[in-house]
C-alpha atoms as a PDB file:
ATOM      1  CA  MET A   1      57.299 103.510 156.551  1.00  0.00           C
ATOM      2  CA  VAL A   2      60.890 103.656 155.457  1.00  0.00           C
ATOM      3  CA  ARG A   3      61.663 103.352 151.722  1.00  0.00           C
ATOM      4  CA  GLU A   4      64.876 101.501 150.814  1.00  0.00           C
ATOM      5  CA  LYS A   5      67.121 103.241 148.175  1.00  0.00           C
ATOM      6  CA  GLY A   6      68.141 101.306 145.074  1.00  0.00           C
ATOM      7  CA  PHE A   7      66.690  99.669 142.046  1.00  0.00           C
ATOM      8  CA  SER A   8      64.113  96.810 141.976  1.00  0.00           C
ATOM      9  CA  LEU A   9      64.739  93.602 140.082  1.00  0.00           C
ATOM     10  CA  ILE A  10      62.159  94.610 137.473  1.00  0.00           C
ATOM     11  CA  GLU A  11      63.885  97.885 136.776  1.00  0.00           C
ATOM     12  CA  LEU A  12      67.290  96.189 136.340  1.00  0.00           C
ATOM     13  CA  LEU A  13      65.724  93.559 133.932  1.00  0.00           C
ATOM     14  CA  ILE A  14      64.214  96.287 131.871  1.00  0.00           C
ATOM     15  CA  VAL A  15      67.614  98.034 131.597  1.00  0.00           C
ATOM     16  CA  VAL A  16      69.355  94.828 130.614  1.00  0.00           C
ATOM     17  CA  ALA A  17      66.646  94.136 127.983  1.00  0.00           C
ATOM     18  CA  ILE A  18      67.113  97.568 126.468  1.00  0.00           C
ATOM     19  CA  ILE A  19      70.901  97.067 126.321  1.00  0.00           C
ATOM     20  CA  LEU A  20      70.413  93.702 124.652  1.00  0.00           C
ATOM     21  CA  ILE A  21      68.044  95.243 121.968  1.00  0.00           C
ATOM     22  CA  ILE A  22      70.600  97.994 121.246  1.00  0.00           C
ATOM     23  CA  ALA A  23      73.346  95.424 120.917  1.00  0.00           C
ATOM     24  CA  ALA A  24      71.328  93.263 118.573  1.00  0.00           C
ATOM     25  CA  ILE A  25      70.928  96.313 116.395  1.00  0.00           C
ATOM     26  CA  ALA A  26      74.487  97.542 116.532  1.00  0.00           C
ATOM     27  CA  ILE A  27      76.490  94.364 116.164  1.00  0.00           C
ATOM     28  CA  PRO A  28      75.501  93.507 112.628  1.00  0.00           C
ATOM     29  CA  ASN A  29      76.245  97.073 111.593  1.00  0.00           C
ATOM     30  CA  LEU A  30      79.617  96.788 113.208  1.00  0.00           C
ATOM     31  CA  MET A  31      80.348  93.553 111.299  1.00  0.00           C
ATOM     32  CA  ARG A  32      79.402  95.163 108.009  1.00  0.00           C
ATOM     33  CA  SER A  33      81.565  98.118 108.733  1.00  0.00           C
ATOM     34  CA  ARG A  34      84.489  95.847 109.591  1.00  0.00           C
ATOM     35  CA  MET A  35      84.085  93.859 106.345  1.00  0.00           C
ATOM     36  CA  ALA A  36      83.946  97.148 104.372  1.00  0.00           C
ATOM     37  CA  ALA A  37      87.149  98.265 106.030  1.00  0.00           C
ATOM     38  CA  ASN A  38      88.822  94.991 105.340  1.00  0.00           C
ATOM     39  CA  GLU A  39      87.748  95.118 101.693  1.00  0.00           C
ATOM     40  CA  ALA A  40      89.077  98.725 101.296  1.00  0.00           C
ATOM     41  CA  SER A  41      92.398  97.630 102.915  1.00  0.00           C
ATOM     42  CA  ALA A  42      92.559  94.633 100.455  1.00  0.00           C
ATOM     43  CA  VAL A  43      92.014  96.837  97.456  1.00  0.00           C
ATOM     44  CA  SER A  44      94.690  99.305  98.731  1.00  0.00           C
ATOM     45  CA  ALA A  45      97.095  96.376  99.249  1.00  0.00           C
ATOM     46  CA  ILE A  46      96.447  95.106  95.711  1.00  0.00           C
ATOM     47  CA  ARG A  47      97.291  98.572  94.354  1.00  0.00           C
ATOM     48  CA  THR A  48     100.405  98.667  96.461  1.00  0.00           C
ATOM     49  CA  ILE A  49     101.398  95.167  95.153  1.00  0.00           C
ATOM     50  CA  THR A  50     101.007  96.354  91.602  1.00  0.00           C
ATOM     51  CA  THR A  51     103.170  99.431  92.205  1.00  0.00           C
ATOM     52  CA  SER A  52     105.742  97.189  93.990  1.00  0.00           C
ATOM     53  CA  GLU A  53     105.815  94.762  91.149  1.00  0.00           C
ATOM     54  CA  HIS A  54     106.553  97.555  88.644  1.00  0.00           C
ATOM     55  CA  ALA A  55     109.301  98.923  90.850  1.00  0.00           C
ATOM     56  CA  TYR A  56     110.726  95.413  91.253  1.00  0.00           C
ATOM     57  CA  ALA A  57     110.715  94.880  87.398  1.00  0.00           C
ATOM     58  CA  GLN A  58     112.562  98.186  86.920  1.00  0.00           C
ATOM     59  CA  ALA A  59     115.106  97.376  89.582  1.00  0.00           C
ATOM     60  CA  TYR A  60     115.699  93.856  88.301  1.00  0.00           C
ATOM     61  CA  PRO A  61     115.100  93.907  84.480  1.00  0.00           C
ATOM     62  CA  ASP A  62     116.879  90.583  84.014  1.00  0.00           C
ATOM     63  CA  ILE A  63     114.181  88.951  86.233  1.00  0.00           C
ATOM     64  CA  GLY A  64     111.162  91.072  85.381  1.00  0.00           C
ATOM     65  CA  PHE A  65     108.219  90.724  87.768  1.00  0.00           C
ATOM     66  CA  THR A  66     108.365  88.349  90.667  1.00  0.00           C
ATOM     67  CA  CYS A  67     105.992  85.530  91.669  1.00  0.00           C
ATOM     68  CA  THR A  68     106.825  85.756  95.357  1.00  0.00           C
ATOM     69  CA  LEU A  69     105.498  88.410  97.741  1.00  0.00           C
ATOM     70  CA  SER A  70     108.499  87.899 100.084  1.00  0.00           C
ATOM     71  CA  ASN A  71     110.841  88.906  97.288  1.00  0.00           C
ATOM     72  CA  MET A  72     109.291  92.393  97.403  1.00  0.00           C
ATOM     73  CA  GLY A  73     109.353  92.536 101.240  1.00  0.00           C
ATOM     74  CA  PRO A  74     112.216  93.566 103.445  1.00  0.00           C
ATOM     75  CA  PRO A  75     115.548  91.782 103.188  1.00  0.00           C
ATOM     76  CA  ALA A  76     116.482  89.256 105.910  1.00  0.00           C
ATOM     77  CA  SER A  77     118.069  90.828 109.022  1.00  0.00           C
ATOM     78  CA  GLY A  78     121.458  92.286 108.229  1.00  0.00           C
ATOM     79  CA  GLN A  79     121.212  91.498 104.458  1.00  0.00           C
ATOM     80  CA  PRO A  80     121.441  94.123 101.749  1.00  0.00           C
ATOM     81  CA  VAL A  81     118.559  94.890  99.421  1.00  0.00           C
ATOM     82  CA  SER A  82     118.488  92.258  96.610  1.00  0.00           C
ATOM     83  CA  SER A  83     116.129  90.396  94.345  1.00  0.00           C
ATOM     84  CA  THR A  84     115.138  88.189  97.236  1.00  0.00           C
ATOM     85  CA  GLY A  85     114.370  91.102  99.495  1.00  0.00           C
ATOM     86  CA  SER A  86     113.839  94.324  97.476  1.00  0.00           C
ATOM     87  CA  ASP A  87     112.054  96.249 100.247  1.00  0.00           C
ATOM     88  CA  THR A  88     109.454  97.580  97.821  1.00  0.00           C
ATOM     89  CA  LEU A  89     106.413  96.166  99.619  1.00  0.00           C
ATOM     90  CA  ASP A  90     104.946  96.697 103.041  1.00  0.00           C
ATOM     91  CA  PRO A  91     106.368  93.953 105.445  1.00  0.00           C
ATOM     92  CA  VAL A  92     102.801  93.012 106.541  1.00  0.00           C
ATOM     93  CA  VAL A  93     101.500  92.442 103.028  1.00  0.00           C
ATOM     94  CA  SER A  94     104.692  90.603 102.036  1.00  0.00           C
ATOM     95  CA  THR A  95     103.822  87.924 104.567  1.00  0.00           C
ATOM     96  CA  GLY A  96     100.647  87.115 102.624  1.00  0.00           C
ATOM     97  CA  THR A  97      97.989  88.062 105.200  1.00  0.00           C
ATOM     98  CA  LYS A  98      96.590  91.393 106.314  1.00  0.00           C
ATOM     99  CA  GLN A  99      93.283  92.356 107.921  1.00  0.00           C
ATOM    100  CA  GLY A 100      91.243  89.295 107.180  1.00  0.00           C
ATOM    101  CA  TYR A 101      92.519  88.812 103.631  1.00  0.00           C
ATOM    102  CA  SER A 102      95.127  86.400 102.123  1.00  0.00           C
ATOM    103  CA  PHE A 103      97.350  87.747  99.375  1.00  0.00           C
ATOM    104  CA  SER A 104      99.229  85.796  96.706  1.00  0.00           C
ATOM    105  CA  LEU A 105     100.783  86.097  93.258  1.00  0.00           C
ATOM    106  CA  SER A 106     100.073  83.604  90.483  1.00  0.00           C
ATOM    107  CA  ASN A 107      99.818  83.128  86.666  1.00  0.00           C
ATOM    108  CA  CYS A 108     103.412  84.216  86.106  1.00  0.00           C
ATOM    109  CA  THR A 109     104.281  84.231  82.403  1.00  0.00           C
ATOM    110  CA  GLY A 110     107.370  84.725  80.411  1.00  0.00           C
ATOM    111  CA  THR A 111     110.770  83.037  80.368  1.00  0.00           C
ATOM    112  CA  PRO A 112     113.483  83.883  81.268  1.00  0.00           C
ATOM    113  CA  VAL A 113     112.097  87.307  82.112  1.00  0.00           C
ATOM    114  CA  ILE A 114     108.724  87.230  83.834  1.00  0.00           C
ATOM    115  CA  THR A 115     106.430  89.646  81.901  1.00  0.00           C
ATOM    116  CA  GLY A 116     103.070  88.901  83.533  1.00  0.00           C
ATOM    117  CA  TYR A 117     101.540  88.040  86.911  1.00  0.00           C
ATOM    118  CA  GLN A 118      98.257  88.143  88.813  1.00  0.00           C
ATOM    119  CA  SER A 119      97.924  89.383  92.365  1.00  0.00           C
ATOM    120  CA  VAL A 120      94.981  88.070  94.251  1.00  0.00           C
ATOM    121  CA  ALA A 121      93.327  88.929  97.606  1.00  0.00           C
ATOM    122  CA  VAL A 122      90.873  86.397  99.103  1.00  0.00           C
ATOM    123  CA  PRO A 123      88.925  86.766 102.339  1.00  0.00           C
ATOM    124  CA  LEU A 124      89.991  84.339 105.046  1.00  0.00           C
ATOM    125  CA  GLN A 125      86.325  83.760 105.938  1.00  0.00           C
ATOM    126  CA  VAL A 126      83.794  84.772 103.320  1.00  0.00           C
ATOM    127  CA  GLY A 127      80.940  86.715 104.996  1.00  0.00           C
ATOM    128  CA  ALA A 128      83.012  87.298 108.197  1.00  0.00           C
ATOM    129  CA  THR A 129      86.268  89.030 107.135  1.00  0.00           C
ATOM    130  CA  GLY A 130      85.156  90.093 103.638  1.00  0.00           C
ATOM    131  CA  GLN A 131      82.614  89.425 100.980  1.00  0.00           C
ATOM    132  CA  ARG A 132      84.568  89.891  97.715  1.00  0.00           C
ATOM    133  CA  ALA A 133      87.832  88.554  96.371  1.00  0.00           C
ATOM    134  CA  PHE A 134      90.088  90.959  94.327  1.00  0.00           C
ATOM    135  CA  CYS A 135      92.742  90.606  91.732  1.00  0.00           C
ATOM    136  CA  SER A 136      95.033  92.705  89.436  1.00  0.00           C
ATOM    137  CA  ASP A 137      97.575  92.192  86.756  1.00  0.00           C
ATOM    138  CA  PRO A 138     100.289  94.369  85.256  1.00  0.00           C
ATOM    139  CA  SER A 139      97.633  96.653  83.739  1.00  0.00           C
ATOM    140  CA  GLY A 140      96.599  97.858  87.255  1.00  0.00           C
ATOM    141  CA  ILE A 141      92.884  97.253  86.685  1.00  0.00           C
ATOM    142  CA  ILE A 142      91.398  95.780  89.809  1.00  0.00           C
ATOM    143  CA  GLN A 143      88.603  93.266  89.372  1.00  0.00           C
ATOM    144  CA  TYR A 144      86.581  91.361  91.920  1.00  0.00           C
ATOM    145  CA  ALA A 145      84.514  88.148  92.470  1.00  0.00           C
ATOM    146  CA  ALA A 146      81.320  89.041  94.309  1.00  0.00           C
ATOM    147  CA  ASP A 147      81.056  85.512  95.895  1.00  0.00           C
ATOM    148  CA  GLY A 148      84.481  85.861  97.664  1.00  0.00           C
ATOM    149  CA  SER A 149      85.965  82.980  95.569  1.00  0.00           C
ATOM    150  CA  SER A 150      89.326  83.561  94.045  1.00  0.00           C
ATOM    151  CA  ALA A 151      88.968  86.473  91.548  1.00  0.00           C
ATOM    152  CA  THR A 152      90.479  85.995  88.033  1.00  0.00           C
ATOM    153  CA  CYS A 153      91.619  88.937  85.923  1.00  0.00           C
ATOM    154  CA  THR A 154      89.751  88.266  82.761  1.00  0.00           C
ATOM    155  CA  SER A 155      87.614  90.422  80.520  1.00  0.00           C
ATOM    156  CA  ALA A 156      84.567  88.695  82.180  1.00  0.00           C
ATOM    157  CA  GLY A 157      85.457  89.884  85.695  1.00  0.00           C
ATOM    158  CA  HIS A 158      83.736  92.708  87.556  1.00  0.00           C
ATOM    159  CA  VAL A 159      85.930  95.839  87.306  1.00  0.00           C
ATOM    160  CA  LEU A 160      86.136  97.827  90.501  1.00  0.00           C
ATOM    161  CA  GLN A 161      85.086 101.386  89.879  1.00  0.00           C
END
C-alpha cells in the first residue's frame, strides 16, 4: 500500500483552530498596547504644546499666548516666520490630529494680550484610539478625564503623575 504525502483535512483544521485561538488572545492585547501608545503620544504632544505656547508668548509679547494651533505651526510655503506661522510646534500636531487624538486650544483669557489658554487632547474614538482625554494650561500640569470626554483643567481634575 502506497501512502500519499501531505496533510489530512483534520490536521489542517486543527492548525487553523490553534491559529485562531492565538489570534483571539493576541488581538485584544495589541489593541490595549496601541491605545497606551496613543495616550503616551497625546501626553507628549500636550507637553509640546505647552512649551510652544510659552515660546510663542516670549516671541510675540504684544499678543501673548495664541488660541490657534496653526499659529504655532510652520509658516505657509515661502512665507517668513510670523505670529501666524511661528514654527514652534510640530507640523503634525499643529494640524489638530495625531495618532488617534484630536488637539485644540480653548478658554483663552486676557485682552488685548492673551494670558491664559487650555490645550486639550481628546481620543477620536473612545475605547478604540484612546481611553482618556488630557488637558493642560500655562502651569504645565497635565490633567485627564478617565471617561475620554473633554478634560477640563480644574482643581477637581485627575492630575497625571
